[in-house]
PDB file of N, CA and C in Angstrom:
ATOM      1  N   MET A   1      91.599  89.260  74.952  1.00  0.00           N
ATOM      2  CA  MET A   1      91.588  90.698  75.027  1.00  0.00           C
ATOM      3  C   MET A   1      90.607  91.127  76.124  1.00  0.00           C
ATOM      4  N   ILE A   2      91.008  92.119  76.937  1.00  0.00           N
ATOM      5  CA  ILE A   2      90.173  92.609  78.038  1.00  0.00           C
ATOM      6  C   ILE A   2      89.210  93.660  77.504  1.00  0.00           C
ATOM      7  N   SER A   3      87.956  93.508  77.886  1.00  0.00           N
ATOM      8  CA  SER A   3      86.945  94.444  77.391  1.00  0.00           C
ATOM      9  C   SER A   3      87.023  95.778  78.136  1.00  0.00           C
ATOM     10  N   HIS A   4      86.527  96.793  77.480  1.00  0.00           N
ATOM     11  CA  HIS A   4      86.499  98.138  78.045  1.00  0.00           C
ATOM     12  C   HIS A   4      85.682  98.177  79.333  1.00  0.00           C
ATOM     13  N   SER A   5      84.537  97.502  79.369  1.00  0.00           N
ATOM     14  CA  SER A   5      83.683  97.516  80.558  1.00  0.00           C
ATOM     15  C   SER A   5      84.365  96.834  81.747  1.00  0.00           C
ATOM     16  N   PHE A   6      85.164  95.806  81.488  1.00  0.00           N
ATOM     17  CA  PHE A   6      85.889  95.147  82.566  1.00  0.00           C
ATOM     18  C   PHE A   6      86.904  96.087  83.187  1.00  0.00           C
ATOM     19  N   ILE A   7      87.610  96.839  82.365  1.00  0.00           N
ATOM     20  CA  ILE A   7      88.604  97.785  82.871  1.00  0.00           C
ATOM     21  C   ILE A   7      87.929  98.854  83.733  1.00  0.00           C
ATOM     22  N   ILE A   8      86.790  99.357  83.285  1.00  0.00           N
ATOM     23  CA  ILE A   8      86.051 100.370  84.061  1.00  0.00           C
ATOM     24  C   ILE A   8      85.630  99.774  85.396  1.00  0.00           C
ATOM     25  N   PHE A   9      85.110  98.532  85.396  1.00  0.00           N
ATOM     26  CA  PHE A   9      84.701  97.870  86.629  1.00  0.00           C
ATOM     27  C   PHE A   9      85.887  97.731  87.575  1.00  0.00           C
ATOM     28  N   ALA A  10      87.030  97.295  87.055  1.00  0.00           N
ATOM     29  CA  ALA A  10      88.219  97.110  87.881  1.00  0.00           C
ATOM     30  C   ALA A  10      88.668  98.430  88.486  1.00  0.00           C
ATOM     31  N   LEU A  11      88.656  99.480  87.716  1.00  0.00           N
ATOM     32  CA  LEU A  11      89.044 100.790  88.230  1.00  0.00           C
ATOM     33  C   LEU A  11      88.083 101.265  89.302  1.00  0.00           C
ATOM     34  N   ASP A  12      86.775 101.118  89.057  1.00  0.00           N
ATOM     35  CA  ASP A  12      85.774 101.508  90.046  1.00  0.00           C
ATOM     36  C   ASP A  12      85.930 100.711  91.327  1.00  0.00           C
ATOM     37  N   PHE A  13      86.185  99.412  91.212  1.00  0.00           N
ATOM     38  CA  PHE A  13      86.353  98.547  92.376  1.00  0.00           C
ATOM     39  C   PHE A  13      87.549  99.007  93.204  1.00  0.00           C
ATOM     40  N   ASN A  14      88.660  99.317  92.554  1.00  0.00           N
ATOM     41  CA  ASN A  14      89.846  99.769  93.274  1.00  0.00           C
ATOM     42  C   ASN A  14      89.601 101.101  93.967  1.00  0.00           C
ATOM     43  N   ILE A  15      88.872 101.992  93.356  1.00  0.00           N
ATOM     44  CA  ILE A  15      88.550 103.273  93.990  1.00  0.00           C
ATOM     45  C   ILE A  15      87.703 103.042  95.230  1.00  0.00           C
ATOM     46  N   ILE A  16      86.719 102.159  95.131  1.00  0.00           N
ATOM     47  CA  ILE A  16      85.879 101.848  96.288  1.00  0.00           C
ATOM     48  C   ILE A  16      86.738 101.226  97.394  1.00  0.00           C
ATOM     49  N   LYS A  17      87.620 100.289  97.047  1.00  0.00           N
ATOM     50  CA  LYS A  17      88.471  99.635  98.038  1.00  0.00           C
ATOM     51  C   LYS A  17      89.359 100.656  98.748  1.00  0.00           C
ATOM     52  N   MET A  18      89.915 101.612  98.014  1.00  0.00           N
ATOM     53  CA  MET A  18      90.808 102.597  98.604  1.00  0.00           C
ATOM     54  C   MET A  18      90.057 103.528  99.551  1.00  0.00           C
ATOM     55  N   ASN A  19      88.766 103.748  99.323  1.00  0.00           N
ATOM     56  CA  ASN A  19      87.989 104.659 100.148  1.00  0.00           C
ATOM     57  C   ASN A  19      87.330 103.985 101.339  1.00  0.00           C
ATOM     58  N   GLU A  20      87.422 102.665 101.437  1.00  0.00           N
ATOM     59  CA  GLU A  20      86.823 101.955 102.567  1.00  0.00           C
ATOM     60  C   GLU A  20      87.545 102.317 103.858  1.00  0.00           C
ATOM     61  N   ARG A  21      86.775 102.439 104.924  1.00  0.00           N
ATOM     62  CA  ARG A  21      87.379 102.686 106.224  1.00  0.00           C
ATOM     63  C   ARG A  21      87.929 101.378 106.770  1.00  0.00           C
ATOM     64  N   PRO A  22      89.004 101.442 107.543  1.00  0.00           N
ATOM     65  CA  PRO A  22      89.521 100.218 108.157  1.00  0.00           C
ATOM     66  C   PRO A  22      88.465  99.573 109.043  1.00  0.00           C
ATOM     67  N   LEU A  23      88.528  98.273 109.150  1.00  0.00           N
ATOM     68  CA  LEU A  23      87.553  97.541 109.946  1.00  0.00           C
ATOM     69  C   LEU A  23      87.990  97.372 111.393  1.00  0.00           C
ATOM     70  N   ASN A  24      89.290  97.439 111.633  1.00  0.00           N
ATOM     71  CA  ASN A  24      89.753  97.334 113.006  1.00  0.00           C
ATOM     72  C   ASN A  24      90.868  98.350 113.257  1.00  0.00           C
ATOM     73  N   ARG A  25      91.129  98.594 114.520  1.00  0.00           N
ATOM     74  CA  ARG A  25      92.152  99.548 114.940  1.00  0.00           C
ATOM     75  C   ARG A  25      93.335  98.834 115.576  1.00  0.00           C
ATOM     76  N   LEU A  26      93.539  97.587 115.244  1.00  0.00           N
ATOM     77  CA  LEU A  26      94.552  96.773 115.908  1.00  0.00           C
ATOM     78  C   LEU A  26      95.932  97.414 115.848  1.00  0.00           C
ATOM     79  N   LYS A  27      96.331  97.872 114.691  1.00  0.00           N
ATOM     80  CA  LYS A  27      97.660  98.475 114.538  1.00  0.00           C
ATOM     81  C   LYS A  27      97.827  99.677 115.472  1.00  0.00           C
ATOM     82  N   VAL A  28      96.811 100.524 115.528  1.00  0.00           N
ATOM     83  CA  VAL A  28      96.852 101.725 116.373  1.00  0.00           C
ATOM     84  C   VAL A  28      96.908 101.343 117.851  1.00  0.00           C
ATOM     85  N   VAL A  29      96.077 100.401 118.247  1.00  0.00           N
ATOM     86  CA  VAL A  29      96.015  99.992 119.657  1.00  0.00           C
ATOM     87  C   VAL A  29      97.325  99.329 120.087  1.00  0.00           C
ATOM     88  N   LEU A  30      97.936  98.549 119.206  1.00  0.00           N
ATOM     89  CA  LEU A  30      99.240  97.965 119.534  1.00  0.00           C
ATOM     90  C   LEU A  30     100.266  99.062 119.803  1.00  0.00           C
ATOM     91  N   VAL A  31     100.315 100.061 118.943  1.00  0.00           N
ATOM     92  CA  VAL A  31     101.269 101.161 119.124  1.00  0.00           C
ATOM     93  C   VAL A  31     100.974 101.917 120.415  1.00  0.00           C
ATOM     94  N   GLU A  32      99.701 102.219 120.652  1.00  0.00           N
ATOM     95  CA  GLU A  32      99.317 102.947 121.867  1.00  0.00           C
ATOM     96  C   GLU A  32      99.724 102.205 123.134  1.00  0.00           C
ATOM     97  N   ASN A  33      99.744 100.890 123.074  1.00  0.00           N
ATOM     98  CA  ASN A  33     100.087 100.068 124.239  1.00  0.00           C
ATOM     99  C   ASN A  33     101.513  99.538 124.187  1.00  0.00           C
ATOM    100  N   GLN A  34     102.302 100.096 123.288  1.00  0.00           N
ATOM    101  CA  GLN A  34     103.720  99.750 123.143  1.00  0.00           C
ATOM    102  C   GLN A  34     103.942  98.237 122.981  1.00  0.00           C
ATOM    103  N   LYS A  35     103.122  97.653 122.137  1.00  0.00           N
ATOM    104  CA  LYS A  35     103.233  96.228 121.798  1.00  0.00           C
ATOM    105  C   LYS A  35     103.517  96.115 120.312  1.00  0.00           C
ATOM    106  N   THR A  36     104.144  95.013 119.920  1.00  0.00           N
ATOM    107  CA  THR A  36     104.435  94.791 118.506  1.00  0.00           C
ATOM    108  C   THR A  36     103.549  93.687 117.940  1.00  0.00           C
ATOM    109  N   SER A  37     103.439  93.675 116.635  1.00  0.00           N
ATOM    110  CA  SER A  37     102.670  92.612 115.997  1.00  0.00           C
ATOM    111  C   SER A  37     103.372  91.264 116.198  1.00  0.00           C
ATOM    112  N   LYS A  38     104.702  91.285 116.261  1.00  0.00           N
ATOM    113  CA  LYS A  38     105.451  90.045 116.518  1.00  0.00           C
ATOM    114  C   LYS A  38     105.107  89.500 117.903  1.00  0.00           C
ATOM    115  N   TRP A  39     105.047  90.386 118.890  1.00  0.00           N
ATOM    116  CA  TRP A  39     104.677  89.978 120.246  1.00  0.00           C
ATOM    117  C   TRP A  39     103.287  89.352 120.249  1.00  0.00           C
ATOM    118  N   LEU A  40     102.344  90.020 119.568  1.00  0.00           N
ATOM    119  CA  LEU A  40     100.971  89.520 119.524  1.00  0.00           C
ATOM    120  C   LEU A  40     100.907  88.150 118.860  1.00  0.00           C
ATOM    121  N   ALA A  41     101.636  87.986 117.769  1.00  0.00           N
ATOM    122  CA  ALA A  41     101.654  86.697 117.065  1.00  0.00           C
ATOM    123  C   ALA A  41     102.154  85.586 117.995  1.00  0.00           C
ATOM    124  N   GLU A  42     103.220  85.880 118.741  1.00  0.00           N
ATOM    125  CA  GLU A  42     103.764  84.880 119.672  1.00  0.00           C
ATOM    126  C   GLU A  42     102.760  84.534 120.766  1.00  0.00           C
ATOM    127  N   GLN A  43     102.081  85.551 121.304  1.00  0.00           N
ATOM    128  CA  GLN A  43     101.106  85.325 122.371  1.00  0.00           C
ATOM    129  C   GLN A  43      99.928  84.478 121.906  1.00  0.00           C
ATOM    130  N   LEU A  44      99.515  84.691 120.649  1.00  0.00           N
ATOM    131  CA  LEU A  44      98.350  83.974 120.117  1.00  0.00           C
ATOM    132  C   LEU A  44      98.710  82.651 119.455  1.00  0.00           C
ATOM    133  N   GLY A  45      99.994  82.422 119.208  1.00  0.00           N
ATOM    134  CA  GLY A  45     100.402  81.196 118.527  1.00  0.00           C
ATOM    135  C   GLY A  45     100.030  81.188 117.056  1.00  0.00           C
ATOM    136  N   VAL A  46     100.062  82.376 116.441  1.00  0.00           N
ATOM    137  CA  VAL A  46      99.787  82.493 115.008  1.00  0.00           C
ATOM    138  C   VAL A  46     101.015  83.102 114.344  1.00  0.00           C
ATOM    139  N   SER A  47     101.033  83.092 113.037  1.00  0.00           N
ATOM    140  CA  SER A  47     102.188  83.637 112.331  1.00  0.00           C
ATOM    141  C   SER A  47     102.149  85.159 112.335  1.00  0.00           C
ATOM    142  N   ALA A  48     103.323  85.751 112.184  1.00  0.00           N
ATOM    143  CA  ALA A  48     103.430  87.211 112.080  1.00  0.00           C
ATOM    144  C   ALA A  48     102.699  87.704 110.833  1.00  0.00           C
ATOM    145  N   VAL A  49     102.658  86.880 109.803  1.00  0.00           N
ATOM    146  CA  VAL A  49     101.947  87.246 108.574  1.00  0.00           C
ATOM    147  C   VAL A  49     100.452  87.398 108.857  1.00  0.00           C
ATOM    148  N   THR A  50      99.901  86.506 109.663  1.00  0.00           N
ATOM    149  CA  THR A  50      98.490  86.582 110.018  1.00  0.00           C
ATOM    150  C   THR A  50      98.186  87.891 110.733  1.00  0.00           C
ATOM    151  N   VAL A  51      98.996  88.232 111.719  1.00  0.00           N
ATOM    152  CA  VAL A  51      98.787  89.477 112.460  1.00  0.00           C
ATOM    153  C   VAL A  51      98.959  90.681 111.537  1.00  0.00           C
ATOM    154  N   SER A  52      99.923  90.611 110.643  1.00  0.00           N
ATOM    155  CA  SER A  52     100.129  91.691 109.679  1.00  0.00           C
ATOM    156  C   SER A  52      98.889  91.908 108.823  1.00  0.00           C
ATOM    157  N   LYS A  53      98.259  90.824 108.401  1.00  0.00           N
ATOM    158  CA  LYS A  53      97.038  90.933 107.597  1.00  0.00           C
ATOM    159  C   LYS A  53      95.900  91.548 108.405  1.00  0.00           C
ATOM    160  N   TRP A  54      95.845  91.252 109.704  1.00  0.00           N
ATOM    161  CA  TRP A  54      94.841  91.891 110.558  1.00  0.00           C
ATOM    162  C   TRP A  54      95.131  93.379 110.687  1.00  0.00           C
ATOM    163  N   CYS A  55      96.414  93.722 110.896  1.00  0.00           N
ATOM    164  CA  CYS A  55      96.798  95.127 111.097  1.00  0.00           C
ATOM    165  C   CYS A  55      96.568  95.972 109.846  1.00  0.00           C
ATOM    166  N   THR A  56      96.663  95.371 108.695  1.00  0.00           N
ATOM    167  CA  THR A  56      96.447  96.107 107.451  1.00  0.00           C
ATOM    168  C   THR A  56      95.020  95.952 106.930  1.00  0.00           C
ATOM    169  N   ASN A  57      94.192  95.285 107.701  1.00  0.00           N
ATOM    170  CA  ASN A  57      92.787  95.058 107.355  1.00  0.00           C
ATOM    171  C   ASN A  57      92.588  94.263 106.070  1.00  0.00           C
ATOM    172  N   MET A  58      93.562  93.437 105.731  1.00  0.00           N
ATOM    173  CA  MET A  58      93.380  92.523 104.598  1.00  0.00           C
ATOM    174  C   MET A  58      92.463  91.377 105.014  1.00  0.00           C
ATOM    175  N   HIS A  59      92.573  90.981 106.277  1.00  0.00           N
ATOM    176  CA  HIS A  59      91.724  89.957 106.885  1.00  0.00           C
ATOM    177  C   HIS A  59      91.355  90.442 108.276  1.00  0.00           C
ATOM    178  N   GLN A  60      90.360  89.805 108.868  1.00  0.00           N
ATOM    179  CA  GLN A  60      89.918  90.181 110.210  1.00  0.00           C
ATOM    180  C   GLN A  60      89.991  88.975 111.136  1.00  0.00           C
ATOM    181  N   PRO A  61      90.402  89.195 112.390  1.00  0.00           N
ATOM    182  CA  PRO A  61      90.361  88.085 113.349  1.00  0.00           C
ATOM    183  C   PRO A  61      88.910  87.759 113.687  1.00  0.00           C
ATOM    184  N   ASP A  62      88.653  86.503 114.043  1.00  0.00           N
ATOM    185  CA  ASP A  62      87.298  86.156 114.457  1.00  0.00           C
ATOM    186  C   ASP A  62      87.020  86.784 115.834  1.00  0.00           C
ATOM    187  N   LEU A  63      85.780  86.736 116.267  1.00  0.00           N
ATOM    188  CA  LEU A  63      85.396  87.424 117.501  1.00  0.00           C
ATOM    189  C   LEU A  63      86.078  86.856 118.741  1.00  0.00           C
ATOM    190  N   GLN A  64      86.282  85.550 118.774  1.00  0.00           N
ATOM    191  CA  GLN A  64      86.987  84.944 119.911  1.00  0.00           C
ATOM    192  C   GLN A  64      88.428  85.434 119.972  1.00  0.00           C
ATOM    193  N   THR A  65      89.074  85.510 118.819  1.00  0.00           N
ATOM    194  CA  THR A  65      90.453  85.987 118.762  1.00  0.00           C
ATOM    195  C   THR A  65      90.512  87.464 119.133  1.00  0.00           C
ATOM    196  N   LEU A  66      89.551  88.233 118.680  1.00  0.00           N
ATOM    197  CA  LEU A  66      89.487  89.647 119.016  1.00  0.00           C
ATOM    198  C   LEU A  66      89.378  89.831 120.535  1.00  0.00           C
ATOM    199  N   ALA A  67      88.570  88.994 121.176  1.00  0.00           N
ATOM    200  CA  ALA A  67      88.436  89.054 122.639  1.00  0.00           C
ATOM    201  C   ALA A  67      89.760  88.700 123.312  1.00  0.00           C
ATOM    202  N   LYS A  68      90.446  87.701 122.793  1.00  0.00           N
ATOM    203  CA  LYS A  68      91.743  87.303 123.350  1.00  0.00           C
ATOM    204  C   LYS A  68      92.775  88.420 123.168  1.00  0.00           C
ATOM    205  N   ILE A  69      92.751  89.081 122.007  1.00  0.00           N
ATOM    206  CA  ILE A  69      93.672  90.194 121.746  1.00  0.00           C
ATOM    207  C   ILE A  69      93.432  91.307 122.762  1.00  0.00           C
ATOM    208  N   ALA A  70      92.182  91.645 122.983  1.00  0.00           N
ATOM    209  CA  ALA A  70      91.849  92.692 123.949  1.00  0.00           C
ATOM    210  C   ALA A  70      92.347  92.323 125.342  1.00  0.00           C
ATOM    211  N   GLU A  71      92.170  91.072 125.705  1.00  0.00           N
ATOM    212  CA  GLU A  71      92.637  90.595 127.010  1.00  0.00           C
ATOM    213  C   GLU A  71      94.155  90.709 127.115  1.00  0.00           C
ATOM    214  N   LEU A  72      94.871  90.288 126.080  1.00  0.00           N
ATOM    215  CA  LEU A  72      96.334  90.337 126.090  1.00  0.00           C
ATOM    216  C   LEU A  72      96.863  91.770 126.164  1.00  0.00           C
ATOM    217  N   ILE A  73      96.226  92.653 125.420  1.00  0.00           N
ATOM    218  CA  ILE A  73      96.673  94.040 125.383  1.00  0.00           C
ATOM    219  C   ILE A  73      96.215  94.791 126.633  1.00  0.00           C
ATOM    220  N   GLY A  74      95.109  94.343 127.212  1.00  0.00           N
ATOM    221  CA  GLY A  74      94.563  95.008 128.389  1.00  0.00           C
ATOM    222  C   GLY A  74      93.674  96.174 128.024  1.00  0.00           C
ATOM    223  N   CYS A  75      92.875  95.967 126.992  1.00  0.00           N
ATOM    224  CA  CYS A  75      91.956  97.021 126.561  1.00  0.00           C
ATOM    225  C   CYS A  75      90.562  96.429 126.377  1.00  0.00           C
ATOM    226  N   ASP A  76      89.607  97.302 126.176  1.00  0.00           N
ATOM    227  CA  ASP A  76      88.244  96.883 125.896  1.00  0.00           C
ATOM    228  C   ASP A  76      88.152  96.432 124.438  1.00  0.00           C
ATOM    229  N   LYS A  77      87.364  95.411 124.169  1.00  0.00           N
ATOM    230  CA  LYS A  77      87.197  94.917 122.792  1.00  0.00           C
ATOM    231  C   LYS A  77      86.750  96.023 121.855  1.00  0.00           C
ATOM    232  N   ARG A  78      85.946  96.930 122.358  1.00  0.00           N
ATOM    233  CA  ARG A  78      85.417  98.013 121.521  1.00  0.00           C
ATOM    234  C   ARG A  78      86.511  98.937 121.014  1.00  0.00           C
ATOM    235  N   GLU A  79      87.632  99.007 121.727  1.00  0.00           N
ATOM    236  CA  GLU A  79      88.750  99.835 121.269  1.00  0.00           C
ATOM    237  C   GLU A  79      89.394  99.290 120.003  1.00  0.00           C
ATOM    238  N   LEU A  80      89.197  98.012 119.746  1.00  0.00           N
ATOM    239  CA  LEU A  80      89.825  97.362 118.591  1.00  0.00           C
ATOM    240  C   LEU A  80      89.008  97.485 117.316  1.00  0.00           C
ATOM    241  N   ILE A  81      87.790  97.993 117.439  1.00  0.00           N
ATOM    242  CA  ILE A  81      86.893  98.065 116.291  1.00  0.00           C
ATOM    243  C   ILE A  81      86.580  99.520 115.985  1.00  0.00           C
ATOM    244  N   THR A  82      86.541  99.872 114.714  1.00  0.00           N
ATOM    245  CA  THR A  82      86.217 101.248 114.335  1.00  0.00           C
ATOM    246  C   THR A  82      84.760 101.543 114.621  1.00  0.00           C
ATOM    247  N   GLU A  83      84.496 102.811 114.731  1.00  0.00           N
ATOM    248  CA  GLU A  83      83.120 103.258 115.000  1.00  0.00           C
ATOM    249  C   GLU A  83      82.279 103.141 113.752  1.00  0.00           C
TER     250      GLU A  83
END
């Protein structure tokens, strides 16, 4: 049986998660530069699922990959990260 305090914790955690700001702007920058996540995945040699997770901020690319993404798209690395 699930305790009452666990349910409250889970609800609070989900509220905090929903209010978090995105960590990267990859999805926006791809659209602005008329590129697709599929294109990016092919260029980097990673799966489309990996890029999708980056675009939805479920996971983050490492700094080297972020630099490579900026190079491929032709933008500054800072454009890929939220303020």
